[in-house]
C-alpha atoms as a PDB file:
ATOM      1  CA  MET A   1       0.000   0.000   0.000  1.00  0.00           C
ATOM      2  CA  TRP A   2       2.855   2.403   0.735  1.00  0.00           C
ATOM      3  CA  PHE A   3       3.925   2.343  -2.899  1.00  0.00           C
ATOM      4  CA  HIS A   4       0.547   3.111  -4.485  1.00  0.00           C
ATOM      5  CA  GLY A   5      -0.202   6.548  -5.865  1.00  0.00           C
ATOM      6  CA  THR A   6       3.287   7.552  -6.944  1.00  0.00           C
ATOM      7  CA  VAL A   7       3.642  10.595  -9.158  1.00  0.00           C
ATOM      8  CA  THR A   8       7.042  10.053 -10.742  1.00  0.00           C
ATOM      9  CA  LYS A   9       6.877   8.366 -14.128  1.00  0.00           C
ATOM     10  CA  ILE A  10       5.722  11.280 -16.301  1.00  0.00           C
ATOM     11  CA  ALA A  11       7.988  14.089 -17.524  1.00  0.00           C
ATOM     12  CA  ARG A  12       6.365  17.352 -16.427  1.00  0.00           C
ATOM     13  CA  SER A  13       6.992  21.015 -17.092  1.00  0.00           C
ATOM     14  CA  PRO A  14       7.898  23.258 -14.134  1.00  0.00           C
ATOM     15  CA  GLU A  15       4.350  24.645 -14.049  1.00  0.00           C
ATOM     16  CA  GLN A  16       2.854  21.147 -14.058  1.00  0.00           C
ATOM     17  CA  VAL A  17       5.099  20.129 -11.144  1.00  0.00           C
ATOM     18  CA  PHE A  18       4.147  23.230  -9.155  1.00  0.00           C
ATOM     19  CA  ARG A  19       0.438  22.678  -9.815  1.00  0.00           C
ATOM     20  CA  LEU A  20       0.735  19.003  -8.899  1.00  0.00           C
ATOM     21  CA  PHE A  21       2.413  20.015  -5.628  1.00  0.00           C
ATOM     22  CA  ILE A  22      -0.556  22.290  -4.882  1.00  0.00           C
ATOM     23  CA  GLU A  23      -3.089  19.606  -5.866  1.00  0.00           C
ATOM     24  CA  ARG A  24      -1.483  16.926  -3.691  1.00  0.00           C
ATOM     25  CA  ALA A  25      -1.115  19.315  -0.736  1.00  0.00           C
ATOM     26  CA  GLU A  26      -4.813  20.210  -1.018  1.00  0.00           C
ATOM     27  CA  ARG A  27      -5.765  16.546  -1.167  1.00  0.00           C
ATOM     28  CA  MET A  28      -3.663  15.820   1.908  1.00  0.00           C
ATOM     29  CA  ALA A  29      -5.208  18.739   3.811  1.00  0.00           C
ATOM     30  CA  SER A  30      -8.744  17.631   2.866  1.00  0.00           C
ATOM     31  CA  ARG A  31      -8.371  14.266   4.594  1.00  0.00           C
ATOM     32  CA  ARG A  32     -10.832  13.552   7.385  1.00  0.00           C
ATOM     33  CA  ILE A  33      -7.975  13.649   9.875  1.00  0.00           C
ATOM     34  CA  PHE A  34      -7.685  17.413   9.290  1.00  0.00           C
ATOM     35  CA  ILE A  35     -11.332  18.311   9.913  1.00  0.00           C
ATOM     36  CA  GLY A  36     -11.288  20.983  12.586  1.00  0.00           C
ATOM     37  CA  GLY A  37      -7.630  21.798  11.933  1.00  0.00           C
ATOM     38  CA  VAL A  38      -4.409  19.865  12.351  1.00  0.00           C
ATOM     39  CA  PRO A  39      -5.054  17.129  14.926  1.00  0.00           C
ATOM     40  CA  LYS A  40      -3.177  17.154  18.164  1.00  0.00           C
ATOM     41  CA  VAL A  41      -0.928  14.249  19.036  1.00  0.00           C
ATOM     42  CA  SER A  42       0.348  14.017  22.563  1.00  0.00           C
ATOM     43  CA  TYR A  43       2.402  11.657  24.642  1.00  0.00           C
ATOM     44  CA  LYS A  44       3.764  11.430  28.130  1.00  0.00           C
ATOM     45  CA  MET A  45       6.558   9.390  29.622  1.00  0.00           C
ATOM     46  CA  THR A  46       6.838   8.340  33.212  1.00  0.00           C
ATOM     47  CA  LEU A  47      10.213   7.278  34.499  1.00  0.00           C
ATOM     48  CA  GLY A  48      10.712   6.018  38.016  1.00  0.00           C
ATOM     49  CA  GLY A  49      12.883   3.286  39.435  1.00  0.00           C
ATOM     50  CA  ALA A  50      12.764   0.347  37.032  1.00  0.00           C
ATOM     51  CA  ARG A  51       9.386   1.422  35.639  1.00  0.00           C
ATOM     52  CA  TYR A  52       8.948   3.015  32.277  1.00  0.00           C
ATOM     53  CA  LYS A  53       5.552   4.020  30.951  1.00  0.00           C
ATOM     54  CA  PHE A  54       4.694   5.512  27.595  1.00  0.00           C
ATOM     55  CA  GLU A  55       1.230   6.764  26.648  1.00  0.00           C
ATOM     56  CA  LEU A  56       0.202   7.976  23.219  1.00  0.00           C
ATOM     57  CA  THR A  57      -2.941   9.781  22.137  1.00  0.00           C
ATOM     58  CA  ALA A  58      -3.065   9.422  18.377  1.00  0.00           C
ATOM     59  CA  PRO A  59      -5.488   9.914  15.471  1.00  0.00           C
ATOM     60  CA  ASP A  60      -7.628   7.150  13.968  1.00  0.00           C
ATOM     61  CA  GLU A  61      -5.250   4.627  12.383  1.00  0.00           C
ATOM     62  CA  GLU A  62      -7.006   4.334   8.993  1.00  0.00           C
ATOM     63  CA  ASP A  63      -7.316   8.098   8.691  1.00  0.00           C
ATOM     64  CA  PHE A  64      -3.644   8.446   9.480  1.00  0.00           C
ATOM     65  CA  ARG A  65      -2.619   5.777   6.956  1.00  0.00           C
ATOM     66  CA  SER A  66      -4.511   7.663   4.248  1.00  0.00           C
ATOM     67  CA  PHE A  67      -2.753  10.838   5.300  1.00  0.00           C
ATOM     68  CA  LEU A  68       0.654   9.129   5.179  1.00  0.00           C
ATOM     69  CA  LEU A  69      -0.002   7.925   1.639  1.00  0.00           C
ATOM     70  CA  ASP A  70      -0.601  11.549   0.655  1.00  0.00           C
ATOM     71  CA  LEU A  71       2.517  12.643   2.522  1.00  0.00           C
ATOM     72  CA  ARG A  72       4.806  10.051   0.918  1.00  0.00           C
ATOM     73  CA  PRO A  73       5.556  11.785  -2.433  1.00  0.00           C
ATOM     74  CA  PHE A  74       6.661  14.954  -0.634  1.00  0.00           C
ATOM     75  CA  LEU A  75       9.252  12.902   1.262  1.00  0.00           C
ATOM     76  CA  MET A  76      10.604  10.468  -1.317  1.00  0.00           C
ATOM     77  CA  GLU A  77      13.639  11.736  -3.240  1.00  0.00           C
ATOM     78  CA  LYS A  78      12.642  10.242  -6.605  1.00  0.00           C
ATOM     79  CA  GLU A  79       9.154  11.759  -6.613  1.00  0.00           C
ATOM     80  CA  SER A  80       8.526  14.785  -8.826  1.00  0.00           C
ATOM     81  CA  ILE A  81       6.894  16.689  -5.939  1.00  0.00           C
ATOM     82  CA  ASN A  82       9.633  15.934  -3.409  1.00  0.00           C
ATOM     83  CA  PHE A  83       9.573  18.953  -1.100  1.00  0.00           C
ATOM     84  CA  ASN A  84      13.300  19.712  -1.310  1.00  0.00           C
ATOM     85  CA  ARG A  85      13.391  19.493  -5.096  1.00  0.00           C
ATOM     86  CA  VAL A  86      10.305  21.651  -5.616  1.00  0.00           C
ATOM     87  CA  ALA A  87      11.370  24.232  -3.022  1.00  0.00           C
ATOM     88  CA  ALA A  88      14.853  24.571  -4.540  1.00  0.00           C
ATOM     89  CA  ASP A  89      13.400  24.974  -8.037  1.00  0.00           C
ATOM     90  CA  LEU A  90      10.823  27.496  -6.836  1.00  0.00           C
ATOM     91  CA  HIS A  91      13.511  29.533  -5.073  1.00  0.00           C
ATOM     92  CA  ARG A  92      15.574  29.730  -8.287  1.00  0.00           C
ATOM     93  CA  ARG A  93      12.553  30.807 -10.311  1.00  0.00           C
ATOM     94  CA  LEU A  94      10.932  33.362  -7.999  1.00  0.00           C
ATOM     95  CA  ALA A  95      11.293  36.985  -9.063  1.00  0.00           C
ATOM     96  CA  ASP A  96       9.716  38.483  -5.938  1.00  0.00           C
ATOM     97  CA  GLU A  97      12.187  39.050  -3.086  1.00  0.00           C
ATOM     98  CA  HIS A  98       9.572  38.676  -0.326  1.00  0.00           C
ATOM     99  CA  MET A  99       8.307  35.409  -1.798  1.00  0.00           C
ATOM    100  CA  ARG A 100      11.860  34.131  -1.996  1.00  0.00           C
ATOM    101  CA  ALA A 101      12.269  34.930   1.708  1.00  0.00           C
ATOM    102  CA  ASP A 102       9.048  32.996   2.422  1.00  0.00           C
ATOM    103  CA  CYS A 103      10.399  30.072   0.406  1.00  0.00           C
ATOM    104  CA  VAL A 104      13.648  30.129   2.429  1.00  0.00           C
ATOM    105  CA  HIS A 105      11.592  30.211   5.637  1.00  0.00           C
ATOM    106  CA  ASN A 106       9.612  27.130   4.532  1.00  0.00           C
ATOM    107  CA  ARG A 107      12.770  25.288   3.485  1.00  0.00           C
ATOM    108  CA  ASP A 108      14.314  25.982   6.888  1.00  0.00           C
ATOM    109  CA  GLY A 109      11.137  24.723   8.546  1.00  0.00           C
ATOM    110  CA  TRP A 110      11.315  21.539   6.486  1.00  0.00           C
ATOM    111  CA  LYS A 111      14.929  20.955   7.533  1.00  0.00           C
ATOM    112  CA  ARG A 112      13.934  21.334  11.184  1.00  0.00           C
ATOM    113  CA  VAL A 113      11.136  18.782  10.783  1.00  0.00           C
ATOM    114  CA  MET A 114      13.447  16.296   9.040  1.00  0.00           C
ATOM    115  CA  LYS A 115      16.070  16.640  11.757  1.00  0.00           C
ATOM    116  CA  GLY A 116      13.666  16.647  14.700  1.00  0.00           C
ATOM    117  CA  GLU A 117      14.165  18.037  18.160  1.00  0.00           C
ATOM    118  CA  GLU A 118      16.569  15.336  19.229  1.00  0.00           C
ATOM    119  CA  ILE A 119      19.168  13.235  17.396  1.00  0.00           C
ATOM    120  CA  PHE A 120      19.846   9.807  18.854  1.00  0.00           C
ATOM    121  CA  ASP A 121      23.342   8.355  18.664  1.00  0.00           C
ATOM    122  CA  ILE A 122      23.087   4.594  19.181  1.00  0.00           C
ATOM    123  CA  ASP A 123      26.234   2.532  18.806  1.00  0.00           C
ATOM    124  CA  GLY A 124      27.745   5.217  16.609  1.00  0.00           C
ATOM    125  CA  VAL A 125      24.702   5.485  14.310  1.00  0.00           C
ATOM    126  CA  LYS A 126      22.849   8.817  14.315  1.00  0.00           C
ATOM    127  CA  TYR A 127      19.048   8.802  13.947  1.00  0.00           C
ATOM    128  CA  GLU A 128      17.196  11.973  13.016  1.00  0.00           C
ATOM    129  CA  ALA A 129      13.408  12.305  12.985  1.00  0.00           C
ATOM    130  CA  LYS A 130      13.165  11.294   9.314  1.00  0.00           C
ATOM    131  CA  ASP A 131      15.258   8.164   9.969  1.00  0.00           C
ATOM    132  CA  LEU A 132      12.966   7.044  12.780  1.00  0.00           C
ATOM    133  CA  PHE A 133       9.909   7.832  10.653  1.00  0.00           C
ATOM    134  CA  PHE A 134      11.029   5.679   7.737  1.00  0.00           C
ATOM    135  CA  MET A 135      12.174   2.901  10.042  1.00  0.00           C
ATOM    136  CA  VAL A 136       8.704   2.574  11.600  1.00  0.00           C
ATOM    137  CA  ALA A 137       6.820   3.199   8.344  1.00  0.00           C
ATOM    138  CA  TYR A 138       8.689   0.460   6.510  1.00  0.00           C
ATOM    139  CA  SER A 139       8.705  -2.045   9.356  1.00  0.00           C
ATOM    140  CA  GLU A 140       5.258  -1.580  10.863  1.00  0.00           C
ATOM    141  CA  LEU A 141       2.794   0.421   8.781  1.00  0.00           C
ATOM    142  CA  PHE A 142       3.198  -0.238   5.087  1.00  0.00           C
ATOM    143  CA  HIS A 143       5.755  -2.129   3.037  1.00  0.00           C
ATOM    144  CA  LEU A 144       7.494  -4.590   5.328  1.00  0.00           C
ATOM    145  CA  ASP A 145      11.247  -4.253   5.074  1.00  0.00           C
ATOM    146  CA  SER A 146      12.898  -6.975   7.165  1.00  0.00           C
ATOM    147  CA  LYS A 147      16.168  -5.042   7.379  1.00  0.00           C
ATOM    148  CA  ARG A 148      14.448  -1.981   8.844  1.00  0.00           C
ATOM    149  CA  ARG A 149      12.334  -4.158  11.135  1.00  0.00           C
ATOM    150  CA  ASP A 150      15.482  -5.832  12.509  1.00  0.00           C
ATOM    151  CA  GLU A 151      17.151  -2.438  12.922  1.00  0.00           C
ATOM    152  CA  PHE A 152      14.099  -1.164  14.791  1.00  0.00           C
ATOM    153  CA  ALA A 153      14.084  -4.251  17.062  1.00  0.00           C
ATOM    154  CA  ARG A 154      17.705  -3.530  18.057  1.00  0.00           C
ATOM    155  CA  LEU A 155      16.897  -0.027  19.285  1.00  0.00           C
ATOM    156  CA  PRO A 156      16.491   0.470  23.035  1.00  0.00           C
ATOM    157  CA  ARG A 157      12.852   0.200  24.133  1.00  0.00           C
ATOM    158  CA  SER A 158      12.702   3.877  25.073  1.00  0.00           C
ATOM    159  CA  VAL A 159      13.846   4.890  21.571  1.00  0.00           C
ATOM    160  CA  GLN A 160      11.315   2.505  19.978  1.00  0.00           C
ATOM    161  CA  ASP A 161       8.561   4.234  21.935  1.00  0.00           C
ATOM    162  CA  ILE A 162       9.775   7.656  20.860  1.00  0.00           C
ATOM    163  CA  ALA A 163      10.048   6.413  17.252  1.00  0.00           C
ATOM    164  CA  ASN A 164       6.429   5.236  17.314  1.00  0.00           C
ATOM    165  CA  TYR A 165       5.309   8.609  18.622  1.00  0.00           C
ATOM    166  CA  ASN A 166       7.570  10.294  16.077  1.00  0.00           C
ATOM    167  CA  VAL A 167       5.579   8.755  13.195  1.00  0.00           C
ATOM    168  CA  TYR A 168       2.608  10.868  14.154  1.00  0.00           C
ATOM    169  CA  SER A 169       4.381  14.056  15.164  1.00  0.00           C
ATOM    170  CA  PHE A 170       6.748  13.956  12.173  1.00  0.00           C
ATOM    171  CA  GLY A 171       3.924  13.545   9.675  1.00  0.00           C
ATOM    172  CA  LEU A 172       1.821  16.342  11.096  1.00  0.00           C
ATOM    173  CA  LYS A 173       4.765  18.726  11.420  1.00  0.00           C
ATOM    174  CA  ALA A 174       5.699  18.004   7.798  1.00  0.00           C
ATOM    175  CA  ALA A 175       2.136  18.837   6.722  1.00  0.00           C
ATOM    176  CA  GLN A 176       2.378  22.140   8.569  1.00  0.00           C
ATOM    177  CA  VAL A 177       5.241  23.103   6.243  1.00  0.00           C
ATOM    178  CA  ILE A 178       3.864  21.588   3.023  1.00  0.00           C
ATOM    179  CA  VAL A 179       0.568  23.486   3.132  1.00  0.00           C
ATOM    180  CA  PRO A 180       2.151  26.969   3.474  1.00  0.00           C
ATOM    181  CA  GLN A 181       4.590  26.087   0.683  1.00  0.00           C
ATOM    182  CA  ALA A 182       1.658  25.099  -1.549  1.00  0.00           C
ATOM    183  CA  ASN A 183      -0.042  28.398  -0.694  1.00  0.00           C
ATOM    184  CA  LEU A 184       3.130  30.271  -1.622  1.00  0.00           C
ATOM    185  CA  ILE A 185       3.343  28.464  -4.961  1.00  0.00           C
ATOM    186  CA  ARG A 186      -0.325  29.202  -5.673  1.00  0.00           C
ATOM    187  CA  LYS A 187       0.163  32.894  -4.928  1.00  0.00           C
ATOM    188  CA  ALA A 188       3.353  33.118  -6.987  1.00  0.00           C
ATOM    189  CA  LEU A 189       1.680  31.484  -9.994  1.00  0.00           C
ATOM    190  CA  LYS A 190      -1.363  33.730  -9.679  1.00  0.00           C
ATOM    191  CA  VAL A 191       0.633  36.980  -9.719  1.00  0.00           C
ATOM    192  CA  GLY A 192       3.133  35.750 -12.332  1.00  0.00           C
ATOM    193  CA  ALA A 193       6.122  35.880  -9.995  1.00  0.00           C
ATOM    194  CA  VAL A 194       7.557  32.538 -11.208  1.00  0.00           C
ATOM    195  CA  ASN A 195       9.774  32.087 -14.244  1.00  0.00           C
ATOM    196  CA  LEU A 196       8.316  28.960 -15.846  1.00  0.00           C
ATOM    197  CA  ASP A 197      10.848  28.633 -18.655  1.00  0.00           C
ATOM    198  CA  PRO A 198      12.276  25.088 -18.962  1.00  0.00           C
ATOM    199  CA  ARG A 199      15.787  24.805 -17.550  1.00  0.00           C
END
């Protein structure tokens, strides 16, 4: 299921890519999970003596799976609407200085989401938020990757718990950057502030 709905195999003009980015962002934001605004995901940890407790309040699982399928092409490097690729191309093509500053702001926000608030160093291997996200997504939620599942099983229990929470928080934080970027693209196209010449 994780691999359905890809948007890569067609050569597209810059304008088509930008409009596809907007279309997919709108589809993602129209999911039932977003009714009433971006859902809140919360967790709490309790540490004491030998006891460790982790509680997670999360959205409906099927709603969230649908959302993750919409999120996937913005994350995957080979997809035509990969956030980094589209944002870099938009930045090069924008003629308006203020819009370029907004694009830089969104790109910085995306980098912060990908990195996460905390980087784990486990046996010399560094795990950022995006690493934990893909590890759980490919070992638990969608396509089962035995290598990632084994890697996940080797993580300390506390990091596994944080990784499971991270799936939700990472996805929603990513959406909170994608939607403003789509709005910026829409505005730039509307006022003709984007050079759409092939490069």
